[in-house]
Amino acid sequence: MTRTVKRLVLALFLAAMTAPGAWAGDIHVLYGRRTVNDDLDPVNEQRPHGVQWFIGKPGHVTLLLAYFKADADDGFIDLLAGATREEVRFSELSVGFAKMWGTSFVRPYLGVGTTRLRVKDELTVVSTGIGVEDDDSISTVYGNGGLILRLGNNVEVGADVRYVPWAKIDLFGSDSNADYRQYSAFAGLGW
């Protein structure tokens, strides 16, 4: 993360902790399944993991920060050089807003925002071990929604659905789409 983002996260965290009665928050660790556009086949099925953080005043629109990493299962493709292993890695940082309904046991939410997506693609010829890599980044939008179940005073579990459209990237001189749908389960804390 950049220094500016780290400072922003720290400032928001300190603001929330100094006035706990006025601010509420939720922090969750997510693990899920991501399906990327078929342009990245055979490595378009991924297992993302990450953190999302809601912070704001109860009953109001809240700030939503999220960070995800995803690695694809290795895929094999046939090129002129022979059988080639392909590995794709995603990293992503998002900032947006979410509306959360309810303050009790069940709390649904919807969110929108902007996300910075970085995709790194590595190709390695199996017979020689020689490889090349390329990467690209894009800023685009996202939409997400989910359901938080509060267990006791602070423990939370739930599910999140996320969609990122319009993620055009250029890998190895070829235009590709990195649009994706993601389904995640999470556990975390709320205050």
Protein backbone atom coordinates (compact mmCIF):
# COMPACT_ATOMS: atom_id res chain seq x y z
CA MET A 1 0.00 0.00 0.00
CA THR A 2 1.13 3.51 -0.59
CA ARG A 3 2.10 5.77 2.28
CA THR A 4 -0.97 7.99 1.68
CA VAL A 5 -3.37 5.05 1.93
CA LYS A 6 -1.70 3.82 5.12
CA ARG A 7 -2.04 7.27 6.66
CA LEU A 8 -5.71 7.49 5.65
CA VAL A 9 -6.48 4.09 7.19
CA LEU A 10 -4.63 5.00 10.40
CA ALA A 11 -6.42 8.38 10.68
CA LEU A 12 -9.84 6.75 10.20
CA PHE A 13 -9.04 4.03 12.72
CA LEU A 14 -7.89 6.58 15.33
CA ALA A 15 -10.97 8.74 14.72
CA ALA A 16 -13.23 5.74 15.24
CA MET A 17 -11.47 4.66 18.43
CA THR A 18 -11.48 8.12 20.04
CA ALA A 19 -15.26 8.44 19.86
CA PRO A 20 -16.61 4.90 20.16
CA GLY A 21 -20.12 6.02 21.07
CA ALA A 22 -20.43 8.15 17.94
CA TRP A 23 -18.76 5.73 15.51
CA ALA A 24 -19.41 2.11 14.63
CA GLY A 25 -17.30 -0.24 12.61
CA ASP A 26 -16.92 -3.74 11.29
CA ILE A 27 -13.74 -5.47 10.14
CA HIS A 28 -13.92 -8.80 8.31
CA VAL A 29 -11.51 -11.33 6.86
CA LEU A 30 -12.94 -12.78 3.64
CA TYR A 31 -12.26 -15.94 1.66
CA GLY A 32 -14.13 -16.85 -1.49
CA ARG A 33 -14.39 -17.75 -5.13
CA ARG A 34 -13.81 -15.38 -8.04
CA THR A 35 -14.71 -15.96 -11.68
CA VAL A 36 -12.84 -13.65 -14.05
CA ASN A 37 -13.87 -12.98 -17.65
CA ASP A 38 -13.06 -15.84 -20.04
CA ASP A 39 -10.28 -13.73 -21.63
CA LEU A 40 -8.00 -15.10 -18.89
CA ASP A 41 -8.96 -18.74 -19.45
CA PRO A 42 -7.52 -21.21 -18.26
CA VAL A 43 -6.69 -19.20 -15.13
CA ASN A 44 -10.01 -17.41 -14.67
CA GLU A 45 -11.11 -19.35 -11.56
CA GLN A 46 -9.50 -17.88 -8.45
CA ARG A 47 -9.55 -18.08 -4.64
CA PRO A 48 -9.48 -14.51 -3.32
CA HIS A 49 -8.79 -13.57 0.28
CA GLY A 50 -8.84 -10.14 1.83
CA VAL A 51 -10.06 -7.68 4.42
CA GLN A 52 -12.98 -5.27 4.36
CA TRP A 53 -13.59 -2.51 6.85
CA PHE A 54 -16.76 -0.49 7.39
CA ILE A 55 -16.47 2.70 9.45
CA GLY A 56 -19.10 5.38 10.12
CA LYS A 57 -21.94 6.59 12.26
CA PRO A 58 -24.71 4.07 12.97
CA GLY A 59 -27.65 4.45 10.58
CA HIS A 60 -25.68 6.55 8.07
CA VAL A 61 -23.79 5.76 4.89
CA THR A 62 -20.42 4.34 5.92
CA LEU A 63 -16.95 4.35 4.42
CA LEU A 64 -15.88 0.97 3.05
CA LEU A 65 -12.22 0.06 2.56
CA ALA A 66 -11.20 -3.31 1.10
CA TYR A 67 -8.02 -5.09 0.06
CA PHE A 68 -7.96 -8.38 -1.85
CA LYS A 69 -5.36 -10.75 -3.24
CA ALA A 70 -6.17 -13.64 -5.54
CA ASP A 71 -4.05 -16.31 -7.16
CA ALA A 72 -5.34 -18.49 -9.94
CA ASP A 73 -4.78 -22.19 -10.12
CA ASP A 74 -2.00 -22.87 -12.59
CA GLY A 75 -3.26 -23.30 -16.11
CA PHE A 76 -1.53 -24.92 -19.06
CA ILE A 77 -1.70 -23.63 -22.61
CA ASP A 78 -0.02 -24.80 -25.83
CA LEU A 79 2.16 -22.23 -27.54
CA LEU A 80 4.74 -22.57 -30.33
CA ALA A 81 7.44 -23.06 -27.67
CA GLY A 82 5.58 -26.07 -26.24
CA ALA A 83 3.43 -26.65 -23.18
CA THR A 84 3.38 -23.45 -21.14
CA ARG A 85 2.28 -22.93 -17.56
CA GLU A 86 0.36 -19.72 -16.88
CA GLU A 87 -0.08 -18.16 -13.44
CA VAL A 88 -2.10 -14.99 -12.83
CA ARG A 89 -2.06 -12.92 -9.62
CA PHE A 90 -4.48 -10.16 -8.72
CA SER A 91 -4.14 -7.48 -6.04
CA GLU A 92 -6.75 -4.84 -5.40
CA LEU A 93 -7.40 -1.84 -3.17
CA SER A 94 -10.90 -0.35 -2.97
CA VAL A 95 -12.47 2.72 -1.40
CA GLY A 96 -16.21 3.26 -1.45
CA PHE A 97 -19.40 3.82 0.44
CA ALA A 98 -21.92 1.36 1.82
CA LYS A 99 -25.41 1.62 3.22
CA MET A 100 -26.13 -0.82 6.03
CA TRP A 101 -29.64 -1.49 7.28
CA GLY A 102 -30.48 -2.55 10.80
CA THR A 103 -28.47 -2.55 14.00
CA SER A 104 -29.45 -5.93 15.37
CA PHE A 105 -28.61 -9.56 14.63
CA VAL A 106 -29.13 -9.38 10.81
CA ARG A 107 -27.67 -6.44 8.84
CA PRO A 108 -27.80 -6.37 5.01
CA TYR A 109 -25.65 -3.86 3.11
CA LEU A 110 -25.02 -2.51 -0.40
CA GLY A 111 -21.87 -0.68 -1.50
CA VAL A 112 -20.29 1.06 -4.49
CA GLY A 113 -16.92 2.66 -5.03
CA THR A 114 -13.69 2.75 -6.95
CA THR A 115 -11.03 0.09 -7.06
CA ARG A 116 -7.44 -0.14 -8.25
CA LEU A 117 -6.80 -3.56 -9.77
CA ARG A 118 -3.32 -4.91 -10.60
CA VAL A 119 -2.94 -8.08 -12.66
CA LYS A 120 0.36 -9.94 -13.05
CA ASP A 121 0.64 -12.75 -15.62
CA GLU A 122 3.55 -15.19 -15.74
CA LEU A 123 4.19 -17.65 -18.59
CA THR A 124 6.78 -20.42 -18.18
CA VAL A 125 7.72 -22.99 -20.84
CA VAL A 126 7.55 -26.31 -19.01
CA SER A 127 10.38 -28.08 -20.88
CA THR A 128 12.97 -25.28 -20.45
CA GLY A 129 11.81 -23.36 -17.39
CA ILE A 130 12.22 -20.09 -19.32
CA GLY A 131 9.55 -17.58 -18.43
CA VAL A 132 8.25 -14.11 -19.10
CA GLU A 133 5.91 -11.90 -17.13
CA ASP A 134 3.78 -8.83 -17.72
CA ASP A 135 1.50 -6.78 -15.53
CA ASP A 136 -1.05 -4.01 -15.87
CA SER A 137 -3.17 -1.88 -13.54
CA ILE A 138 -6.51 -0.19 -13.97
CA SER A 139 -8.85 1.93 -11.89
CA THR A 140 -12.50 1.03 -12.26
CA VAL A 141 -15.70 0.79 -10.20
CA TYR A 142 -17.22 -1.98 -8.12
CA GLY A 143 -20.53 -2.88 -6.56
CA ASN A 144 -21.04 -5.22 -3.64
CA GLY A 145 -23.66 -6.40 -1.23
CA GLY A 146 -23.94 -8.79 1.61
CA LEU A 147 -25.38 -9.88 4.88
CA ILE A 148 -23.75 -9.56 8.31
CA LEU A 149 -24.91 -11.78 11.17
CA ARG A 150 -23.88 -10.51 14.61
CA LEU A 151 -23.21 -13.30 17.11
CA GLY A 152 -23.12 -11.86 20.60
CA ASN A 153 -21.78 -8.36 21.20
CA ASN A 154 -18.88 -8.24 18.73
CA VAL A 155 -18.38 -11.42 16.69
CA GLU A 156 -19.72 -11.38 13.13
CA VAL A 157 -20.03 -13.81 10.21
CA GLY A 158 -21.59 -13.30 6.83
CA ALA A 159 -21.48 -13.42 3.06
CA ASP A 160 -20.48 -10.87 0.42
CA VAL A 161 -21.04 -10.67 -3.35
CA ARG A 162 -18.82 -8.34 -5.40
CA TYR A 163 -18.83 -7.33 -9.09
CA VAL A 164 -16.11 -5.40 -10.93
CA PRO A 165 -16.96 -4.37 -14.53
CA TRP A 166 -15.00 -2.45 -17.18
CA ALA A 167 -11.56 -3.76 -16.19
CA LYS A 168 -9.71 -3.62 -19.51
CA ILE A 169 -6.04 -4.59 -19.23
CA ASP A 170 -3.15 -5.11 -21.66
CA LEU A 171 -1.04 -8.23 -21.11
CA PHE A 172 1.68 -9.24 -23.55
CA GLY A 173 0.39 -6.71 -26.10
CA SER A 174 -3.11 -8.15 -26.11
CA ASP A 175 -6.24 -6.48 -24.72
CA SER A 176 -8.07 -8.54 -22.12
CA ASN A 177 -10.95 -8.11 -19.71
CA ALA A 178 -10.33 -8.67 -16.01
CA ASP A 179 -14.00 -8.13 -15.07
CA TYR A 180 -15.04 -10.48 -12.30
CA ARG A 181 -17.76 -11.80 -9.99
CA GLN A 182 -16.74 -12.78 -6.47
CA TYR A 183 -18.59 -14.69 -3.75
CA SER A 184 -17.07 -14.67 -0.26
CA ALA A 185 -17.76 -15.81 3.27
CA PHE A 186 -16.31 -13.79 6.13
CA ALA A 187 -15.77 -13.63 9.86
CA GLY A 188 -14.77 -10.62 11.93
CA LEU A 189 -15.56 -8.13 14.63
CA GLY A 190 -17.99 -5.25 14.99
CA TRP A 191 -18.22 -2.44 17.52
